[in-house]
């Protein structure tokens, strides 16, 4: 009986941690736009990168840290810029949130 309780307790603990999203480092290339001015997803200006793979488009909201703030003036107000972004991505409320460590403009 003690083994059964121990196994059930371990199962409950493992099931409770299964839903926790672990941040992973990624590098994505796509069009960076203002999430407020262009996409109307946020109430304050924030960078977003839209990555298109065939017919699917994934939108990553970029957390506004020093790296993201430096790149924002180029896209605020309706412009877009092709960029490669490296950072940690985490899913929050079904939204891909990327904390950038590096943003590079892709030269045409």
N, C-alpha and C. Protein backbone atom coordinates (compact mmCIF):
# COMPACT_ATOMS: atom_id res chain seq x y z
N UNK A 1 0.82 -1.19 0.00
CA UNK A 1 0.00 0.00 0.00
C UNK A 1 0.87 1.26 0.00
N UNK A 2 1.98 1.24 0.75
CA UNK A 2 2.87 2.40 0.79
C UNK A 2 3.48 2.66 -0.58
N UNK A 3 3.82 1.58 -1.30
CA UNK A 3 4.39 1.75 -2.64
C UNK A 3 3.37 2.38 -3.58
N UNK A 4 2.10 1.97 -3.47
CA UNK A 4 1.05 2.53 -4.32
C UNK A 4 0.87 4.02 -4.07
N UNK A 5 0.89 4.41 -2.81
CA UNK A 5 0.75 5.83 -2.46
C UNK A 5 1.96 6.60 -2.98
N UNK A 6 3.15 6.04 -2.84
CA UNK A 6 4.36 6.69 -3.34
C UNK A 6 4.32 6.86 -4.85
N UNK A 7 3.87 5.84 -5.57
CA UNK A 7 3.78 5.91 -7.03
C UNK A 7 2.74 6.94 -7.45
N UNK A 8 1.59 6.97 -6.79
CA UNK A 8 0.55 7.94 -7.12
C UNK A 8 1.01 9.36 -6.83
N UNK A 9 1.71 9.56 -5.74
CA UNK A 9 2.23 10.88 -5.40
C UNK A 9 3.24 11.35 -6.45
N UNK A 10 4.13 10.47 -6.85
CA UNK A 10 5.12 10.82 -7.88
C UNK A 10 4.42 11.16 -9.19
N UNK A 11 3.38 10.41 -9.54
CA UNK A 11 2.64 10.68 -10.77
C UNK A 11 1.97 12.04 -10.74
N UNK A 12 1.40 12.41 -9.60
CA UNK A 12 0.75 13.72 -9.47
C UNK A 12 1.77 14.83 -9.58
N UNK A 13 2.94 14.67 -8.95
CA UNK A 13 3.98 15.69 -9.03
C UNK A 13 4.50 15.85 -10.45
N UNK A 14 4.71 14.76 -11.15
CA UNK A 14 5.18 14.84 -12.54
C UNK A 14 4.13 15.46 -13.44
N UNK A 15 2.87 15.14 -13.23
CA UNK A 15 1.80 15.70 -14.05
C UNK A 15 1.68 17.20 -13.81
N UNK A 16 1.96 17.64 -12.61
CA UNK A 16 1.87 19.07 -12.29
C UNK A 16 2.95 19.89 -12.96
N UNK A 17 4.11 19.29 -13.22
CA UNK A 17 5.20 20.04 -13.86
C UNK A 17 5.19 19.90 -15.37
N UNK A 18 4.34 19.05 -15.91
CA UNK A 18 4.32 18.83 -17.36
C UNK A 18 3.85 20.07 -18.11
N UNK A 19 3.01 20.91 -17.51
CA UNK A 19 2.47 22.08 -18.19
C UNK A 19 3.36 23.31 -18.12
N UNK A 20 4.48 23.24 -17.40
CA UNK A 20 5.36 24.37 -17.25
C UNK A 20 6.20 24.51 -18.51
N UNK A 21 6.16 25.69 -19.12
CA UNK A 21 6.91 25.92 -20.35
C UNK A 21 8.35 26.27 -20.02
N UNK A 22 9.27 25.54 -20.61
CA UNK A 22 10.68 25.80 -20.41
C UNK A 22 11.18 26.68 -21.55
N UNK A 23 11.89 27.73 -21.21
CA UNK A 23 12.42 28.63 -22.23
C UNK A 23 13.56 27.94 -22.95
N UNK A 24 13.57 28.08 -24.28
CA UNK A 24 14.66 27.52 -25.07
C UNK A 24 15.21 28.59 -25.98
N UNK A 25 16.50 28.49 -26.29
CA UNK A 25 17.15 29.49 -27.14
C UNK A 25 16.89 29.13 -28.59
N UNK A 26 16.43 30.14 -29.34
CA UNK A 26 16.13 29.95 -30.76
C UNK A 26 16.71 31.11 -31.56
N UNK A 27 16.82 30.90 -32.86
CA UNK A 27 17.16 31.97 -33.80
C UNK A 27 16.12 31.93 -34.89
N UNK A 28 15.43 33.06 -35.09
CA UNK A 28 14.38 33.14 -36.11
C UNK A 28 14.68 34.31 -37.04
N UNK A 29 14.25 34.17 -38.29
CA UNK A 29 14.39 35.24 -39.28
C UNK A 29 13.02 35.54 -39.85
N UNK A 30 12.66 36.82 -39.84
CA UNK A 30 11.36 37.23 -40.35
C UNK A 30 11.25 38.73 -40.38
N UNK A 31 10.04 39.22 -40.59
CA UNK A 31 9.79 40.65 -40.64
C UNK A 31 9.42 41.17 -39.26
N UNK A 32 10.18 42.17 -38.79
CA UNK A 32 9.89 42.80 -37.51
C UNK A 32 8.99 43.99 -37.75
N UNK A 33 7.91 44.07 -36.98
CA UNK A 33 6.96 45.17 -37.06
C UNK A 33 6.60 45.58 -35.64
N UNK A 34 5.87 46.68 -35.51
CA UNK A 34 5.38 47.12 -34.21
C UNK A 34 4.08 46.37 -33.92
N UNK A 35 4.03 45.70 -32.78
CA UNK A 35 2.85 44.91 -32.41
C UNK A 35 1.63 45.80 -32.16
N UNK A 36 1.85 47.06 -31.81
CA UNK A 36 0.73 47.98 -31.59
C UNK A 36 0.32 48.66 -32.90
N UNK A 37 1.26 49.29 -33.57
CA UNK A 37 0.95 50.10 -34.75
C UNK A 37 0.51 49.29 -35.96
N UNK A 38 1.10 48.11 -36.15
CA UNK A 38 0.83 47.31 -37.35
C UNK A 38 -0.13 46.15 -37.06
N UNK A 39 0.16 45.39 -36.02
CA UNK A 39 -0.62 44.18 -35.75
C UNK A 39 -1.81 44.40 -34.83
N UNK A 40 -1.82 45.50 -34.09
CA UNK A 40 -2.89 45.81 -33.14
C UNK A 40 -3.09 44.70 -32.12
N UNK A 41 -1.97 44.11 -31.67
CA UNK A 41 -2.01 43.04 -30.67
C UNK A 41 -1.77 43.53 -29.25
N UNK A 42 -1.13 44.69 -29.12
CA UNK A 42 -0.79 45.21 -27.80
C UNK A 42 -1.28 46.64 -27.66
N UNK A 43 -1.36 47.11 -26.43
CA UNK A 43 -1.81 48.49 -26.18
C UNK A 43 -0.64 49.46 -26.13
N UNK A 44 0.58 48.92 -26.01
CA UNK A 44 1.79 49.75 -26.03
C UNK A 44 2.71 49.25 -27.14
N UNK A 45 3.56 50.13 -27.63
CA UNK A 45 4.49 49.74 -28.68
C UNK A 45 5.40 48.61 -28.20
N UNK A 46 5.56 47.63 -29.07
CA UNK A 46 6.37 46.45 -28.77
C UNK A 46 6.74 45.81 -30.10
N UNK A 47 7.94 45.29 -30.19
CA UNK A 47 8.36 44.60 -31.41
C UNK A 47 7.69 43.24 -31.53
N UNK A 48 7.46 42.84 -32.76
CA UNK A 48 6.98 41.50 -33.07
C UNK A 48 7.70 41.05 -34.33
N UNK A 49 8.03 39.77 -34.39
CA UNK A 49 8.66 39.21 -35.58
C UNK A 49 7.72 38.16 -36.14
N UNK A 50 7.38 38.32 -37.42
CA UNK A 50 6.51 37.36 -38.09
C UNK A 50 7.38 36.49 -38.99
N UNK A 51 7.34 35.18 -38.72
CA UNK A 51 8.12 34.20 -39.47
C UNK A 51 7.16 33.37 -40.30
N UNK A 52 7.37 33.36 -41.62
CA UNK A 52 6.50 32.61 -42.52
C UNK A 52 7.25 31.40 -43.04
N UNK A 53 6.59 30.24 -42.90
CA UNK A 53 7.14 28.99 -43.39
C UNK A 53 6.09 28.37 -44.31
N UNK A 54 6.21 28.65 -45.59
CA UNK A 54 5.18 28.17 -46.53
C UNK A 54 3.89 28.96 -46.32
N UNK A 55 2.85 28.29 -45.85
CA UNK A 55 1.56 28.96 -45.63
C UNK A 55 1.34 29.32 -44.16
N UNK A 56 2.23 28.87 -43.27
CA UNK A 56 2.07 29.15 -41.84
C UNK A 56 2.87 30.37 -41.44
N UNK A 57 2.26 31.24 -40.62
CA UNK A 57 2.96 32.40 -40.08
C UNK A 57 2.92 32.32 -38.56
N UNK A 58 4.10 32.41 -37.96
CA UNK A 58 4.21 32.43 -36.51
C UNK A 58 4.64 33.82 -36.10
N UNK A 59 3.93 34.40 -35.13
CA UNK A 59 4.27 35.73 -34.63
C UNK A 59 4.90 35.59 -33.26
N UNK A 60 6.09 36.15 -33.11
CA UNK A 60 6.79 36.18 -31.83
C UNK A 60 6.73 37.60 -31.30
N UNK A 61 6.17 37.80 -30.12
CA UNK A 61 6.24 39.10 -29.46
C UNK A 61 7.59 39.20 -28.79
N UNK A 62 8.30 40.29 -29.02
CA UNK A 62 9.62 40.47 -28.41
C UNK A 62 9.47 41.25 -27.12
N UNK A 63 10.01 40.68 -26.06
CA UNK A 63 9.99 41.35 -24.78
C UNK A 63 10.81 42.63 -24.91
N UNK A 64 10.31 43.72 -24.35
CA UNK A 64 10.99 45.01 -24.49
C UNK A 64 12.12 45.14 -23.47
N UNK A 65 13.28 44.62 -23.83
CA UNK A 65 14.49 44.81 -23.05
C UNK A 65 15.37 45.82 -23.80
N UNK A 66 16.60 46.01 -23.36
CA UNK A 66 17.48 46.98 -24.01
C UNK A 66 17.72 46.66 -25.48
N UNK A 67 17.87 45.38 -25.81
CA UNK A 67 18.11 44.96 -27.20
C UNK A 67 16.91 45.31 -28.07
N UNK A 68 15.72 45.02 -27.59
CA UNK A 68 14.51 45.26 -28.36
C UNK A 68 14.21 46.76 -28.48
N UNK A 69 14.44 47.50 -27.41
CA UNK A 69 14.19 48.95 -27.43
C UNK A 69 15.06 49.66 -28.46
N UNK A 70 16.30 49.22 -28.60
CA UNK A 70 17.23 49.83 -29.55
C UNK A 70 16.74 49.64 -30.99
N UNK A 71 16.13 48.49 -31.28
CA UNK A 71 15.69 48.18 -32.64
C UNK A 71 14.30 48.74 -32.95
N UNK A 72 13.55 49.17 -31.95
CA UNK A 72 12.15 49.53 -32.17
C UNK A 72 11.92 50.77 -33.05
N UNK A 73 12.69 51.84 -32.95
CA UNK A 73 12.39 53.03 -33.76
C UNK A 73 12.31 52.76 -35.26
N UNK A 74 13.03 51.77 -35.75
CA UNK A 74 13.03 51.47 -37.19
C UNK A 74 11.69 50.92 -37.67
N UNK A 75 10.87 50.37 -36.77
CA UNK A 75 9.62 49.74 -37.19
C UNK A 75 8.37 50.41 -36.63
N UNK A 76 8.52 51.32 -35.69
CA UNK A 76 7.35 51.95 -35.08
C UNK A 76 6.66 52.88 -36.07
N UNK A 77 5.37 52.81 -36.13
CA UNK A 77 4.60 53.68 -37.01
C UNK A 77 4.18 53.03 -38.31
N UNK A 78 4.53 51.79 -38.53
CA UNK A 78 4.04 51.09 -39.71
C UNK A 78 5.10 50.49 -40.61
N UNK A 79 6.36 50.75 -40.35
CA UNK A 79 7.42 50.17 -41.17
C UNK A 79 7.68 48.72 -40.76
N UNK A 80 8.42 48.02 -41.61
CA UNK A 80 8.86 46.67 -41.26
C UNK A 80 10.31 46.52 -41.68
N UNK A 81 10.99 45.57 -41.07
CA UNK A 81 12.39 45.36 -41.34
C UNK A 81 12.68 43.86 -41.22
N UNK A 82 13.40 43.30 -42.17
CA UNK A 82 13.75 41.88 -42.11
C UNK A 82 14.92 41.73 -41.14
N UNK A 83 14.73 40.84 -40.14
CA UNK A 83 15.73 40.68 -39.09
C UNK A 83 15.94 39.21 -38.75
N UNK A 84 17.06 38.96 -38.12
CA UNK A 84 17.32 37.67 -37.49
C UNK A 84 17.45 37.94 -36.00
N UNK A 85 16.64 37.22 -35.21
CA UNK A 85 16.60 37.45 -33.77
C UNK A 85 17.01 36.17 -33.05
N UNK A 86 17.90 36.32 -32.08
CA UNK A 86 18.30 35.20 -31.23
C UNK A 86 17.88 35.52 -29.81
N UNK A 87 17.35 34.52 -29.12
CA UNK A 87 16.95 34.73 -27.74
C UNK A 87 16.19 33.55 -27.20
N UNK A 88 15.68 33.72 -26.00
CA UNK A 88 14.91 32.66 -25.34
C UNK A 88 13.43 32.86 -25.65
N UNK A 89 12.79 31.78 -26.05
CA UNK A 89 11.37 31.84 -26.37
C UNK A 89 10.60 31.01 -25.35
N UNK A 90 9.45 31.54 -24.96
CA UNK A 90 8.58 30.87 -24.01
C UNK A 90 7.15 31.14 -24.44
N UNK A 91 6.28 30.16 -24.26
CA UNK A 91 4.87 30.34 -24.59
C UNK A 91 4.16 30.85 -23.34
N UNK A 92 3.51 32.02 -23.47
CA UNK A 92 2.73 32.59 -22.37
C UNK A 92 1.35 32.92 -22.90
N UNK A 93 0.32 32.33 -22.31
CA UNK A 93 -1.06 32.55 -22.74
C UNK A 93 -1.23 32.30 -24.24
N UNK A 94 -0.65 31.21 -24.74
CA UNK A 94 -0.72 30.80 -26.14
C UNK A 94 -0.05 31.78 -27.10
N UNK A 95 0.86 32.60 -26.58
CA UNK A 95 1.60 33.56 -27.40
C UNK A 95 3.08 33.26 -27.25
N UNK A 96 3.79 33.20 -28.38
CA UNK A 96 5.23 32.99 -28.37
C UNK A 96 5.90 34.31 -27.96
N UNK A 97 6.56 34.32 -26.81
CA UNK A 97 7.25 35.52 -26.32
C UNK A 97 8.74 35.25 -26.37
N UNK A 98 9.46 36.09 -27.11
CA UNK A 98 10.89 35.92 -27.31
C UNK A 98 11.62 37.04 -26.59
N UNK A 99 12.53 36.68 -25.71
CA UNK A 99 13.38 37.66 -25.04
C UNK A 99 14.68 37.73 -25.83
N UNK A 100 14.86 38.79 -26.62
CA UNK A 100 16.00 38.83 -27.53
C UNK A 100 17.32 39.12 -26.83
N UNK A 101 18.37 38.43 -27.27
CA UNK A 101 19.73 38.72 -26.84
C UNK A 101 20.51 39.38 -27.98
N UNK A 102 19.97 39.23 -29.20
CA UNK A 102 20.63 39.79 -30.37
C UNK A 102 19.61 39.99 -31.49
N UNK A 103 19.64 41.16 -32.13
CA UNK A 103 18.79 41.43 -33.31
C UNK A 103 19.70 41.96 -34.40
N UNK A 104 19.74 41.25 -35.53
CA UNK A 104 20.54 41.65 -36.68
C UNK A 104 19.63 41.95 -37.86
N UNK A 105 19.85 43.08 -38.52
CA UNK A 105 19.10 43.42 -39.72
C UNK A 105 19.66 42.60 -40.87
N UNK A 106 18.75 41.98 -41.64
CA UNK A 106 19.15 41.19 -42.81
C UNK A 106 19.31 42.14 -43.99
N UNK A 107 20.48 42.16 -44.55
CA UNK A 107 20.76 43.05 -45.70
C UNK A 107 20.18 42.43 -46.96
N UNK A 108 19.54 43.26 -47.81
CA UNK A 108 18.97 42.72 -49.05
C UNK A 108 20.02 42.25 -50.04
